[in-house]
Amino acid sequence: MNSAAPPSQRRGPLIALIAGEASGDLLGAKLLDALRALAPQAHFVGIGGPRMRAQDMDCWHDIAELSVMGFSEVLRHLPRLLRLRRELTQRLLHERPALTIGIDAPDFNLGLERRLKHAGLPIAHYVSPSVWAWRENRAARLGASADRVLCLFPMEPAIYARHGVDARFVGHPLADHFAAHNDRAAARDALGIAADAQLLAVLPGSRHGEVQRLLPVFLDAAARLHARRPALNILIPAANATLRTQIEATLANQAPPARAARVLDGQADLLLRAADAALLASGTATLEAALAQCPMVVGHRIAPLTHFIVKHLGLLRATRYSLPNILAGHDVVPELMQNACTSLRLAAALAPLLDDPAAAAMQRAVFPTLHAMLHAPDAATAASAAARAALDLLAVPT
């Protein structure tokens, strides 16, 4: 592939964006749109997926080249990934973009960003790792790699400030995606669920290991609830075809009524808008549930060895694990983690949300405040705030 046009032939600045997975492609596409609005003469290059390519970005590599998951798969692809990063670093050092923005994917991006920053190139990193949950010393590592960190959560810049790192809260894209008012009736109509039917959403995670650990216990909890509520609808969204196959195989081994749960192709946000309650893994889905104004119980288990290591080495500093509780600073939704994540306890925590309108209303009353917290001040969208904070590094007029 040919190099970008030399500086003398460019009408505007060369900006590189490096995204590493499907979520980064979505973030990158929205960011590209906002960057073009502020710097219409800029030329964009780097690593992206179909959404970023549709924004007329010159993709030197496809995002699929970085999208590997699981320890064994990463090991198998490590020589290729290291070679790709080395070649990309050399190309960027040759092209000398006016700004490089690494989008998430810290394992790939931070080393690359550090080399470019040491060469005097301006660097922004979009999406902070969860420094508020564990290994806060990663904040200093980001400071060595990026001139500015663009944060999705309002509590993150203060953590970076303790390590002398310039970090800006730019808002969370999910806060733009979800309306302030949830049209529950329309969501139910789209899913074919009657207005007066009880609906439980079950979201066991988006990775194979999560689903393997959580789905059986989640289904057992749903079966306990169904035994006392025979009309209860149970829906499970599958993030992709591979996870759908895994979910259906697990369902086939469950006793009725859990086996009767219906699997959806995606549509998690629609399901959360429609559900009376959700049982879900700790992660971004808890934020989606809050923004969809869906009461929830959070259950999570990690591999026993991983849990032992993070607990005994003091790597885990969080006292709360779900994003609604972390953002609120107090317990809004029940969290049942590791050994407490049993079907009996999960069912007992969910029952009031299905049977007691006051219990569900207590959670719903907090969710609009969390929604408002996730919007950056003085910006129409998270992408526009991120674009402005990034372009400020090279003094492009905005």
Foldseek 3Di string as FASTA:
>chain_A
DDADDAPVPAPFFEEEEEEADPVLQVLLLLLLVLLCVQTVRYAYEEEHADSNVVSVHHYPYYNVLRDDDDDVRCVVCVVVLVVVLVVVLVSCLVRQTQEYEYEPPCVNQQVSQLSSVVVVHAYEYEEDDPLVWFDLVVLLSSQSRHQEYEYQAPVPQVSNVVNVHHYDDLFHQLLVVFDLDQPQVVLCVVVVHDPPFAEEEEEQDQDPVSCVPAVVQQLLLVQVLCVVVVRYAYEYEHAAPVSVVVNLVSLVPDDPPSVVHYYHDHCLLSSLLHHLEYEYEADCSLLSNLSSLHAYAYEGEDPPVVVVVCVVVVRTDDPDGHPVCVNVVHDLHHYQYHPSSGSVNRNVRCVCSRPPVVSSVSNSVCSSVSSVSRHDPPDPGSSNSVSVVRVVSSPRGD
